[in-house]
Amino acid sequence: MESRLERFRELIKEKKLLDSTLAILHWDLETEAPKAGQELLSQMIGNISLKSYEISTSPELIEIVEFLREMKNELTPVEKKEIEDFYEEMDKLRKIPAEDYKAYTELTAKAQGIWAEAKDKNDYKIFENYLEQIFDYNRIFANYREPEKDPYDVILNDYEKGMNVEKLDEFFRELRREIVPLLEKIKMKKINNEDYIEGKVKKCNQIVFSKYLGEYLGFDFNRGIISQSEHPFTLTVNRDDVRITTKYIEELPLSSIFSTIHECGHGIYEQGIGEELKDTLLADGASMGIHESQSRFYENVLGRSMEFWQPIYKNLQEKYEYLKNVTLDEFYKGINSVRPSLIRVEADELTYSLHIMIRYEIEKGILNGKYKISQLPEIWNEKMKEYLGVEPKNDSEGVLQDVHWSCGLIGYFPSYALGNVYSIQIYNKMKEEMNIKKLLEDKKLDKIKEWLRNNIHKYGKMKTPKELIEDITGEGLNAKGYIEYLKEKYSKIYNLN
């Protein structure tokens, strides 16, 4: 058994080195790579992905893992969990032919550049064929793995263990049932708080303030960097090399602030994973829903609170000079202004989940054959009008606004809505143990980060999302607290009855 464990570790180290190389290549592809070099980078990604796949599905590793599963009672808790998780991943991969896997990784690497070009040129047709291939591959892979199941159920479970269409349909029905009437009440007030925060800020000032914010939040720049990309994201090489990006728009200067706070939430999670998990396959977030709970917690619960800005608002005014005559109260109302908008990443906290519902329904419709890829711009626009009362003028502010599908992240979007709910469940538990508002006023964000690290971050993938949220809150996924949080917050801001 010891010799097999040792060989398992050797093979996993080799796989992790390949996966880390892939992460660096993806980082380069999405941040610095010249357009002309993207074809070669895509081929490199496909080649190295295949090598990682070959290790994961090799007869030697399969034999070792199956043997160790039989000996699970003699393994440590970390070894046991890692073996079980890897067995599931290995079982998925070995059902997918190697040539299909390589072709798909090359396709998604190339598609990101095509998506960026299509968005820049405001032309969905440029991207349409690539998107169709990506969805086709996802449907085919799901059928390879579990042919008796709805393909979307198979895919959703990859992002949130135990999740499926039936559960999400009910989850979104509950959110829509409560959010839409609240939104209508706010619309009737006809109050525009956005006037307070409209302005223009030079990119150089935004860059300086983003770095300041990262340090203030507790993102460790000795083990991470911040750069810029067309669509903000977080990429982890390992817990000591965590990379985040934001996007700087001079006419929308607050966009980079909340993108930075959001990505720092992801990054702080990755940096907080336990040292003992560093070289294992468990050095990752429990699920994408839990991961998004951390980014949404930092962005909304902390970053859109009065108490967060109270001690640092003057620092912001120095770099964002147009805010010099805007009071903190006006700024707070501005950053919490509710107005249905076209762009998801710029959406207010209340309408955000409606953006996610649109994407969820589209993904489901494509995978079950209800929608055709060629129809997506029209379908997208119709759903935006139905859910939010706004309609995109072009593809760039419509169906092309998100990078996710070009990366192959089909099934990811529901994680944002799940993360919203998880974040408030976690927040409500935290409030029982500490005075969060006072900690923010006193600039003691390290205390908040420490609680998150001890209760969530350090466990990595040692716990499933269900186990993690139940251990923290005593209950599973429950949207009730999130709905109450929204009602209380926006009733105060808009003086609702």
Protein backbone atom coordinates (compact mmCIF):
# COMPACT_ATOMS: atom_id res chain seq x y z
CA MET A 1 0.00 0.00 0.00
CA GLU A 2 2.79 2.46 0.86
CA SER A 3 4.45 1.93 -2.50
CA ARG A 4 1.16 2.53 -4.31
CA LEU A 5 0.51 5.70 -2.29
CA GLU A 6 3.99 6.94 -3.15
CA ARG A 7 3.44 6.24 -6.85
CA PHE A 8 0.02 7.93 -6.68
CA ARG A 9 1.66 11.05 -5.30
CA GLU A 10 4.31 10.98 -8.06
CA LEU A 11 1.70 10.72 -10.80
CA ILE A 12 -0.53 13.37 -9.25
CA LYS A 13 2.47 15.72 -8.95
CA GLU A 14 3.19 15.19 -12.65
CA LYS A 15 -0.46 15.89 -13.49
CA LYS A 16 -0.53 19.02 -11.31
CA LEU A 17 2.62 20.36 -12.99
CA LEU A 18 0.94 19.95 -16.36
CA ASP A 19 -2.25 21.58 -15.09
CA SER A 20 -0.24 24.48 -13.64
CA THR A 21 1.43 24.93 -17.03
CA LEU A 22 -2.02 25.00 -18.61
CA ALA A 23 -3.08 27.67 -16.14
CA ILE A 24 -0.12 29.87 -17.13
CA LEU A 25 -0.92 29.40 -20.82
CA HIS A 26 -4.57 30.32 -20.24
CA TRP A 27 -3.46 33.40 -18.30
CA ASP A 28 -1.25 34.48 -21.20
CA LEU A 29 -4.03 33.76 -23.70
CA GLU A 30 -6.52 35.95 -21.85
CA THR A 31 -4.25 38.83 -20.81
CA GLU A 32 -1.09 39.43 -22.85
CA ALA A 33 -0.92 37.16 -25.90
CA PRO A 34 -0.96 38.92 -29.29
CA LYS A 35 -3.82 37.92 -31.54
CA ALA A 36 -1.49 36.34 -34.09
CA GLY A 37 -0.06 34.03 -31.42
CA GLN A 38 -3.38 32.65 -30.22
CA GLU A 39 -3.46 29.79 -32.73
CA LEU A 40 -0.16 28.35 -31.46
CA LEU A 41 -1.19 28.87 -27.83
CA SER A 42 -4.42 26.98 -28.51
CA GLN A 43 -2.44 24.06 -29.94
CA MET A 44 -0.09 24.10 -26.92
CA ILE A 45 -3.08 24.03 -24.57
CA GLY A 46 -4.60 21.12 -26.48
CA ASN A 47 -1.32 19.18 -26.44
CA ILE A 48 -0.66 19.64 -22.73
CA SER A 49 -4.32 18.98 -21.86
CA LEU A 50 -4.00 15.64 -23.65
CA LYS A 51 -0.92 14.75 -21.60
CA SER A 52 -2.80 15.53 -18.38
CA TYR A 53 -5.72 13.46 -19.65
CA GLU A 54 -3.38 10.54 -20.47
CA ILE A 55 -1.98 10.51 -16.95
CA SER A 56 -5.47 10.67 -15.41
CA THR A 57 -6.72 7.76 -17.52
CA SER A 58 -3.56 5.65 -17.60
CA PRO A 59 -3.99 1.94 -16.72
CA GLU A 60 -1.33 2.32 -14.02
CA LEU A 61 -3.12 5.16 -12.22
CA ILE A 62 -6.51 3.48 -12.61
CA GLU A 63 -5.15 0.32 -10.97
CA ILE A 64 -3.57 2.29 -8.12
CA VAL A 65 -6.71 4.30 -7.42
CA GLU A 66 -8.98 1.26 -7.50
CA PHE A 67 -6.64 -0.57 -5.11
CA LEU A 68 -6.48 2.39 -2.71
CA ARG A 69 -10.26 2.72 -2.73
CA GLU A 70 -10.45 -0.86 -1.47
CA MET A 71 -8.00 0.06 1.31
CA LYS A 72 -9.81 3.28 2.28
CA ASN A 73 -10.04 2.37 5.96
CA GLU A 74 -6.24 2.54 6.17
CA LEU A 75 -6.01 5.97 4.56
CA THR A 76 -5.87 9.35 6.30
CA PRO A 77 -8.99 11.56 5.87
CA VAL A 78 -7.16 13.70 3.29
CA GLU A 79 -5.94 10.66 1.33
CA LYS A 80 -9.37 9.05 1.43
CA LYS A 81 -11.15 12.18 0.17
CA GLU A 82 -8.54 12.81 -2.53
CA ILE A 83 -8.78 9.24 -3.80
CA GLU A 84 -12.59 9.36 -3.92
CA ASP A 85 -12.67 12.73 -5.68
CA PHE A 86 -10.05 11.67 -8.19
CA TYR A 87 -11.86 8.40 -8.88
CA GLU A 88 -14.96 10.40 -9.87
CA GLU A 89 -12.91 12.71 -12.10
CA MET A 90 -11.02 9.79 -13.65
CA ASP A 91 -14.28 7.96 -14.32
CA LYS A 92 -15.63 11.02 -16.19
CA LEU A 93 -12.51 11.40 -18.30
CA ARG A 94 -12.02 7.78 -19.33
CA LYS A 95 -15.50 7.77 -20.88
CA ILE A 96 -14.44 10.57 -23.24
CA PRO A 97 -12.27 9.56 -26.23
CA ALA A 98 -8.81 11.16 -26.12
CA GLU A 99 -9.12 12.72 -29.58
CA ASP A 100 -12.42 14.37 -28.60
CA TYR A 101 -10.92 15.71 -25.38
CA LYS A 102 -7.92 17.21 -27.17
CA ALA A 103 -10.08 18.73 -29.91
CA TYR A 104 -12.39 20.30 -27.35
CA THR A 105 -9.60 21.89 -25.31
CA GLU A 106 -8.11 23.36 -28.50
CA LEU A 107 -11.55 24.59 -29.55
CA THR A 108 -12.25 26.42 -26.27
CA ALA A 109 -8.76 27.92 -26.19
CA LYS A 110 -9.25 29.28 -29.72
CA ALA A 111 -12.88 30.30 -29.12
CA GLN A 112 -11.94 32.85 -26.48
CA GLY A 113 -10.05 34.91 -29.05
CA ILE A 114 -12.88 34.52 -31.55
CA TRP A 115 -15.40 35.65 -28.93
CA ALA A 116 -13.30 38.74 -28.13
CA GLU A 117 -13.13 39.59 -31.86
CA ALA A 118 -16.89 39.07 -32.29
CA LYS A 119 -17.62 41.26 -29.29
CA ASP A 120 -15.25 43.97 -30.51
CA LYS A 121 -16.83 43.91 -33.98
CA ASN A 122 -20.35 43.50 -32.60
CA ASP A 123 -20.94 40.49 -34.83
CA TYR A 124 -22.40 37.29 -33.33
CA LYS A 125 -21.97 35.43 -36.65
CA ILE A 126 -18.19 35.41 -36.16
CA PHE A 127 -18.62 33.37 -32.96
CA GLU A 128 -21.76 31.37 -33.79
CA ASN A 129 -20.10 28.27 -35.26
CA TYR A 130 -17.63 28.01 -32.37
CA LEU A 131 -20.43 28.31 -29.83
CA GLU A 132 -22.43 25.61 -31.56
CA GLN A 133 -19.45 23.25 -31.45
CA ILE A 134 -18.89 23.98 -27.74
CA PHE A 135 -22.48 23.16 -26.83
CA ASP A 136 -22.41 20.07 -29.07
CA TYR A 137 -19.29 18.77 -27.34
CA ASN A 138 -20.84 19.35 -23.91
CA ARG A 139 -23.96 17.43 -24.91
CA ILE A 140 -21.88 14.61 -26.41
CA PHE A 141 -19.57 14.39 -23.37
CA ALA A 142 -22.56 14.26 -21.01
CA ASN A 143 -24.02 11.42 -23.09
CA TYR A 144 -20.71 9.56 -23.03
CA ARG A 145 -20.71 9.76 -19.25
CA GLU A 146 -24.35 9.19 -18.28
CA PRO A 147 -26.46 8.48 -21.39
CA GLU A 148 -29.60 7.83 -19.35
CA LYS A 149 -29.62 11.34 -17.83
CA ASP A 150 -30.59 14.80 -19.03
CA PRO A 151 -27.27 16.23 -20.34
CA TYR A 152 -27.79 19.46 -18.40
CA ASP A 153 -28.23 17.52 -15.14
CA VAL A 154 -24.87 15.83 -15.76
CA ILE A 155 -23.18 19.16 -16.46
CA LEU A 156 -24.75 21.04 -13.52
CA ASN A 157 -23.55 18.38 -11.10
CA ASP A 158 -19.95 19.11 -12.17
CA TYR A 159 -20.21 22.65 -10.84
CA GLU A 160 -22.42 21.98 -7.81
CA LYS A 161 -22.52 18.41 -6.57
CA GLY A 162 -26.12 17.20 -6.25
CA MET A 163 -27.60 20.02 -8.35
CA ASN A 164 -29.97 19.38 -11.25
CA VAL A 165 -32.60 21.07 -13.43
CA GLU A 166 -35.52 20.18 -11.15
CA LYS A 167 -33.87 21.78 -8.10
CA LEU A 168 -32.75 24.85 -10.02
CA ASP A 169 -36.16 25.36 -11.61
CA GLU A 170 -37.73 25.54 -8.14
CA PHE A 171 -34.85 27.66 -6.79
CA PHE A 172 -35.23 30.26 -9.55
CA ARG A 173 -39.03 30.23 -9.29
CA GLU A 174 -38.72 31.19 -5.63
CA LEU A 175 -36.28 34.01 -6.36
CA ARG A 176 -38.36 35.36 -9.22
CA ARG A 177 -41.56 35.19 -7.16
CA GLU A 178 -40.00 37.51 -4.56
CA ILE A 179 -37.59 39.68 -6.54
CA VAL A 180 -39.91 40.85 -9.35
CA PRO A 181 -42.59 42.38 -7.04
CA LEU A 182 -39.86 44.10 -5.01
CA LEU A 183 -38.35 45.48 -8.21
CA GLU A 184 -41.77 46.82 -9.30
CA LYS A 185 -42.19 48.65 -5.97
CA ILE A 186 -38.80 50.30 -6.41
CA LYS A 187 -39.60 51.31 -10.01
CA MET A 188 -42.76 53.04 -8.83
CA LYS A 189 -40.64 55.29 -6.59
CA LYS A 190 -38.96 56.77 -9.68
CA ILE A 191 -35.86 57.65 -7.69
CA ASN A 192 -32.55 57.87 -9.57
CA ASN A 193 -29.64 57.47 -7.17
CA GLU A 194 -27.21 56.81 -10.01
CA ASP A 195 -26.70 60.52 -10.67
CA TYR A 196 -24.51 60.63 -7.54
CA ILE A 197 -21.90 58.24 -8.90
CA GLU A 198 -21.67 59.06 -12.61
CA GLY A 199 -18.31 60.41 -13.72
CA LYS A 200 -15.08 59.72 -15.52
CA VAL A 201 -11.73 58.61 -14.04
CA LYS A 202 -8.40 58.08 -15.77
CA LYS A 203 -7.33 54.47 -16.09
CA CYS A 204 -4.07 55.15 -14.21
CA ASN A 205 -6.00 56.31 -11.13
CA GLN A 206 -8.27 53.26 -11.29
CA ILE A 207 -5.24 50.95 -11.43
CA VAL A 208 -3.73 52.53 -8.32
CA PHE A 209 -6.99 52.30 -6.39
CA SER A 210 -7.59 48.68 -7.44
CA LYS A 211 -4.19 47.71 -6.00
CA TYR A 212 -4.98 49.65 -2.83
CA LEU A 213 -8.33 47.87 -2.52
CA GLY A 214 -6.74 44.45 -2.98
CA GLU A 215 -4.28 45.12 -0.17
CA TYR A 216 -7.00 46.57 2.05
CA LEU A 217 -9.20 43.51 1.58
CA GLY A 218 -6.35 41.17 2.47
CA PHE A 219 -5.33 39.78 -0.93
CA ASP A 220 -1.69 38.76 -0.51
CA PHE A 221 0.34 40.33 -3.32
CA ASN A 222 3.37 38.26 -2.30
CA ARG A 223 1.35 35.28 -3.52
CA GLY A 224 -0.75 36.92 -6.19
CA ILE A 225 -0.99 39.61 -8.86
CA ILE A 226 -3.69 41.77 -10.42
CA SER A 227 -3.80 42.45 -14.14
CA GLN A 228 -6.48 43.38 -16.67
CA SER A 229 -8.53 41.49 -19.23
CA GLU A 230 -11.63 41.90 -21.37
CA HIS A 231 -13.63 39.98 -18.77
CA PRO A 232 -12.46 39.91 -15.11
CA PHE A 233 -11.50 36.49 -13.77
CA THR A 234 -9.40 34.66 -11.19
CA LEU A 235 -6.88 31.99 -12.13
CA THR A 236 -5.02 29.82 -9.63
CA VAL A 237 -1.71 28.15 -10.37
CA ASN A 238 -1.54 27.06 -6.72
CA ARG A 239 -2.30 28.69 -3.37
CA ASP A 240 0.99 30.63 -3.62
CA ASP A 241 0.30 31.91 -7.14
CA VAL A 242 -3.20 33.32 -7.45
CA ARG A 243 -3.89 35.76 -10.29
CA ILE A 244 -6.85 38.09 -10.65
CA THR A 245 -7.86 40.56 -13.34
CA THR A 246 -10.21 43.49 -13.66
CA LYS A 247 -11.31 45.76 -16.49
CA TYR A 248 -10.82 49.53 -16.49
CA ILE A 249 -13.46 51.67 -18.23
CA GLU A 250 -12.89 55.42 -17.89
CA GLU A 251 -16.58 56.25 -18.39
CA LEU A 252 -17.66 53.59 -15.83
CA PRO A 253 -14.99 54.02 -13.15
CA LEU A 254 -16.82 52.11 -10.41
CA SER A 255 -16.88 48.99 -12.57
CA SER A 256 -13.22 48.20 -11.84
CA ILE A 257 -13.79 48.76 -8.11
CA PHE A 258 -16.49 46.13 -7.76
CA SER A 259 -14.80 43.76 -10.21
CA THR A 260 -11.64 44.00 -8.12
CA ILE A 261 -13.52 43.37 -4.87
CA HIS A 262 -15.35 40.43 -6.48
CA GLU A 263 -12.19 38.80 -7.80
CA CYS A 264 -10.37 39.42 -4.52
CA GLY A 265 -13.10 37.35 -2.86
CA HIS A 266 -12.17 34.47 -5.16
CA GLY A 267 -8.46 35.06 -4.72
CA ILE A 268 -8.55 35.28 -0.92
CA TYR A 269 -10.43 31.97 -0.87
CA GLU A 270 -7.70 30.29 -2.95
CA GLN A 271 -4.89 31.78 -0.86
CA GLY A 272 -6.62 30.58 2.31
CA ILE A 273 -6.72 26.88 1.40
CA GLY A 274 -4.93 24.81 4.04
CA GLU A 275 -1.19 24.30 3.60
CA GLU A 276 -1.63 20.55 4.11
CA LEU A 277 -3.76 20.43 0.94
CA LYS A 278 -1.31 22.39 -1.23
CA ASP A 279 0.09 19.49 -3.27
CA THR A 280 -3.14 17.50 -3.37
CA LEU A 281 -6.11 17.56 -5.71
CA LEU A 282 -8.17 19.02 -2.85
CA ALA A 283 -6.48 22.42 -3.06
CA ASP A 284 -9.49 24.06 -4.71
CA GLY A 285 -12.87 25.49 -3.79
CA ALA A 286 -15.62 23.20 -2.53
CA SER A 287 -17.76 24.09 -5.57
CA MET A 288 -18.34 27.02 -7.89
CA GLY A 289 -21.41 27.99 -5.84
CA ILE A 290 -19.29 28.20 -2.68
CA HIS A 291 -16.58 30.01 -4.63
CA GLU A 292 -19.09 32.58 -5.85
CA SER A 293 -20.42 32.94 -2.30
CA GLN A 294 -17.03 34.34 -1.36
CA SER A 295 -16.76 36.75 -4.28
CA ARG A 296 -20.36 37.92 -3.85
CA PHE A 297 -19.89 38.24 -0.07
CA TYR A 298 -16.91 40.53 -0.57
CA GLU A 299 -18.48 42.45 -3.44
CA ASN A 300 -21.98 42.97 -2.07
CA VAL A 301 -22.22 42.26 1.66
CA LEU A 302 -18.97 44.07 2.43
CA GLY A 303 -18.23 46.22 -0.63
CA ARG A 304 -21.70 47.76 -0.97
CA SER A 305 -22.10 48.49 2.73
CA MET A 306 -21.86 51.94 4.30
CA GLU A 307 -19.48 50.65 6.98
CA PHE A 308 -16.95 49.35 4.43
CA TRP A 309 -16.52 52.76 2.81
CA GLN A 310 -16.76 54.89 5.94
CA PRO A 311 -13.04 54.70 6.86
CA ILE A 312 -11.68 54.78 3.28
CA TYR A 313 -14.07 57.03 1.39
CA LYS A 314 -11.59 59.94 1.46
CA ASN A 315 -8.99 57.68 -0.18
CA LEU A 316 -11.47 57.00 -2.97
CA GLN A 317 -12.28 60.70 -3.40
CA GLU A 318 -8.57 61.47 -3.89
CA LYS A 319 -8.36 59.19 -6.93
CA TYR A 320 -11.95 59.63 -8.11
CA GLU A 321 -12.06 63.41 -8.00
CA TYR A 322 -15.61 63.73 -9.34
CA LEU A 323 -16.78 62.25 -6.01
CA LYS A 324 -15.31 65.12 -3.95
CA ASN A 325 -18.71 66.78 -3.55
CA VAL A 326 -20.63 63.52 -3.16
CA THR A 327 -21.39 62.62 0.44
CA LEU A 328 -20.84 59.11 1.76
CA ASP A 329 -24.61 58.69 2.13
CA GLU A 330 -25.14 59.73 -1.50
CA PHE A 331 -22.34 57.40 -2.61
CA TYR A 332 -23.88 54.51 -0.66
CA LYS A 333 -27.26 55.08 -2.30
CA GLY A 334 -25.57 55.35 -5.68
CA ILE A 335 -23.69 52.06 -5.48
CA ASN A 336 -26.90 50.39 -4.33
CA SER A 337 -29.09 51.99 -6.95
CA VAL A 338 -31.60 49.62 -8.53
CA ARG A 339 -32.14 49.94 -12.25
CA PRO A 340 -32.62 47.09 -14.74
CA SER A 341 -29.58 47.16 -17.00
CA LEU A 342 -28.17 45.32 -19.98
CA ILE A 343 -24.82 44.13 -18.62
CA ARG A 344 -24.67 41.39 -15.97
CA VAL A 345 -21.36 42.44 -14.39
CA GLU A 346 -22.70 45.99 -13.96
CA ALA A 347 -26.08 44.82 -12.59
CA ASP A 348 -27.29 45.93 -9.18
CA GLU A 349 -27.55 43.42 -6.37
CA LEU A 350 -31.32 43.06 -6.67
CA THR A 351 -31.66 42.41 -10.41
CA TYR A 352 -28.47 40.35 -10.72
CA SER A 353 -30.20 36.99 -10.25
CA LEU A 354 -32.62 37.84 -13.08
CA HIS A 355 -29.59 38.03 -15.40
CA ILE A 356 -28.56 34.57 -14.21
CA MET A 357 -32.06 33.16 -14.80
CA ILE A 358 -31.87 34.28 -18.43
CA ARG A 359 -28.59 32.46 -18.99
CA TYR A 360 -29.83 29.38 -17.15
CA GLU A 361 -32.95 29.16 -19.31
CA ILE A 362 -30.92 29.61 -22.49
CA GLU A 363 -28.41 26.89 -21.57
CA LYS A 364 -31.22 24.52 -20.66
CA GLY A 365 -33.06 25.33 -23.89
CA ILE A 366 -30.02 24.72 -26.09
CA LEU A 367 -29.15 21.41 -24.44
CA ASN A 368 -32.71 20.05 -24.59
CA GLY A 369 -33.16 21.13 -28.21
CA LYS A 370 -35.70 23.89 -27.59
CA TYR A 371 -33.40 26.65 -28.87
CA LYS A 372 -31.03 26.82 -31.83
CA ILE A 373 -27.65 28.53 -31.58
CA SER A 374 -28.50 30.65 -34.64
CA GLN A 375 -31.50 32.10 -32.76
CA LEU A 376 -29.62 33.16 -29.63
CA PRO A 377 -29.40 36.94 -30.23
CA GLU A 378 -33.17 37.14 -30.67
CA ILE A 379 -33.90 34.76 -27.76
CA TRP A 380 -31.51 36.72 -25.54
CA ASN A 381 -33.14 40.03 -26.39
CA GLU A 382 -36.65 38.67 -25.83
CA LYS A 383 -35.73 37.34 -22.39
CA MET A 384 -34.02 40.60 -21.41
CA LYS A 385 -37.20 42.45 -22.30
CA GLU A 386 -39.39 39.93 -20.44
CA TYR A 387 -37.30 39.73 -17.25
CA LEU A 388 -35.76 43.19 -17.00
CA GLY A 389 -37.73 45.43 -19.34
CA VAL A 390 -34.63 46.43 -21.33
CA GLU A 391 -33.50 45.37 -24.78
CA PRO A 392 -29.91 45.26 -26.15
CA LYS A 393 -29.22 47.44 -29.16
CA ASN A 394 -26.50 45.10 -30.45
CA ASP A 395 -24.83 41.72 -29.90
CA SER A 396 -21.96 43.12 -27.83
CA GLU A 397 -24.25 44.35 -25.07
CA GLY A 398 -26.45 41.30 -25.56
CA VAL A 399 -25.54 37.69 -26.22
CA LEU A 400 -21.79 38.38 -26.56
CA GLN A 401 -21.27 40.14 -23.24
CA ASP A 402 -19.97 37.12 -21.24
CA VAL A 403 -16.79 35.13 -21.83
CA HIS A 404 -18.01 31.95 -20.09
CA TRP A 405 -19.45 30.01 -23.01
CA SER A 406 -16.33 30.61 -25.11
CA CYS A 407 -14.30 28.95 -22.32
CA GLY A 408 -16.63 25.96 -22.29
CA LEU A 409 -18.14 26.93 -18.94
CA ILE A 410 -21.61 25.64 -19.78
CA GLY A 411 -23.51 25.21 -16.51
CA TYR A 412 -21.43 27.75 -14.57
CA PHE A 413 -23.91 30.63 -14.50
CA PRO A 414 -26.29 29.17 -11.87
CA SER A 415 -23.31 29.20 -9.48
CA TYR A 416 -23.61 32.99 -9.21
CA ALA A 417 -27.20 32.81 -7.96
CA LEU A 418 -26.37 29.93 -5.63
CA GLY A 419 -23.40 31.97 -4.40
CA ASN A 420 -25.66 34.94 -3.64
CA VAL A 421 -27.83 32.77 -1.41
CA TYR A 422 -24.91 30.98 0.24
CA SER A 423 -23.24 34.33 0.96
CA ILE A 424 -26.20 35.55 3.02
CA GLN A 425 -26.54 32.24 4.85
CA ILE A 426 -22.87 32.57 5.79
CA TYR A 427 -23.26 36.27 6.64
CA ASN A 428 -26.18 35.58 8.98
CA LYS A 429 -24.11 32.99 10.82
CA MET A 430 -21.13 35.33 11.06
CA LYS A 431 -23.32 38.04 12.62
CA GLU A 432 -24.11 35.68 15.49
CA GLU A 433 -20.40 35.50 16.34
CA MET A 434 -19.04 38.97 15.57
CA ASN A 435 -20.05 42.57 14.98
CA ILE A 436 -19.22 42.83 11.29
CA LYS A 437 -20.28 46.47 10.93
CA LYS A 438 -17.98 47.50 13.78
CA LEU A 439 -15.09 45.51 12.32
CA LEU A 440 -15.55 47.29 8.98
CA GLU A 441 -15.70 50.70 10.65
CA ASP A 442 -12.49 49.86 12.54
CA LYS A 443 -10.75 48.60 9.37
CA LYS A 444 -10.37 45.13 10.88
CA LEU A 445 -11.05 43.13 7.74
CA ASP A 446 -8.42 40.63 8.87
CA LYS A 447 -10.88 39.37 11.49
CA ILE A 448 -13.49 38.72 8.82
CA LYS A 449 -10.96 36.99 6.59
CA GLU A 450 -9.80 34.85 9.50
CA TRP A 451 -13.37 33.66 10.19
CA LEU A 452 -13.84 32.77 6.54
CA ARG A 453 -10.51 30.97 6.43
CA ASN A 454 -11.26 28.92 9.54
CA ASN A 455 -14.81 28.02 8.51
CA ILE A 456 -14.56 27.75 4.71
CA HIS A 457 -11.26 28.46 2.97
CA LYS A 458 -8.91 26.05 4.74
CA TYR A 459 -11.05 23.03 3.90
CA GLY A 460 -10.62 23.34 0.13
CA LYS A 461 -12.49 20.38 -1.37
CA MET A 462 -12.37 18.33 1.83
CA LYS A 463 -16.07 19.04 2.26
CA THR A 464 -18.87 19.02 -0.31
CA PRO A 465 -20.85 22.27 -0.65
CA LYS A 466 -23.76 20.62 1.19
CA GLU A 467 -21.51 19.49 4.07
CA LEU A 468 -19.83 22.89 4.26
CA ILE A 469 -22.99 24.99 4.36
CA GLU A 470 -24.69 22.60 6.80
CA ASP A 471 -21.68 22.62 9.12
CA ILE A 472 -21.68 26.42 9.13
CA THR A 473 -25.39 27.20 9.23
CA GLY A 474 -27.13 23.99 10.33
CA GLU A 475 -29.17 23.91 7.11
CA GLY A 476 -28.77 23.26 3.39
CA LEU A 477 -29.30 25.74 0.56
CA ASN A 478 -32.11 28.06 1.66
CA ALA A 479 -33.08 31.22 -0.25
CA LYS A 480 -35.29 32.60 2.55
CA GLY A 481 -32.49 34.55 4.27
CA TYR A 482 -31.31 36.04 0.98
CA ILE A 483 -34.81 37.23 0.10
CA GLU A 484 -35.25 38.79 3.55
CA TYR A 485 -31.84 40.47 3.23
CA LEU A 486 -32.83 42.06 -0.10
CA LYS A 487 -36.20 43.21 1.21
CA GLU A 488 -34.72 44.76 4.33
CA LYS A 489 -31.85 46.46 2.54
CA TYR A 490 -33.82 47.97 -0.33
CA SER A 491 -36.85 48.87 1.75
CA LYS A 492 -34.54 51.15 3.77
CA ILE A 493 -32.77 52.63 0.76
CA TYR A 494 -36.02 53.34 -1.12
CA ASN A 495 -38.30 53.98 1.86
CA LEU A 496 -40.71 51.23 0.91
CA ASN A 497 -43.73 50.46 3.05
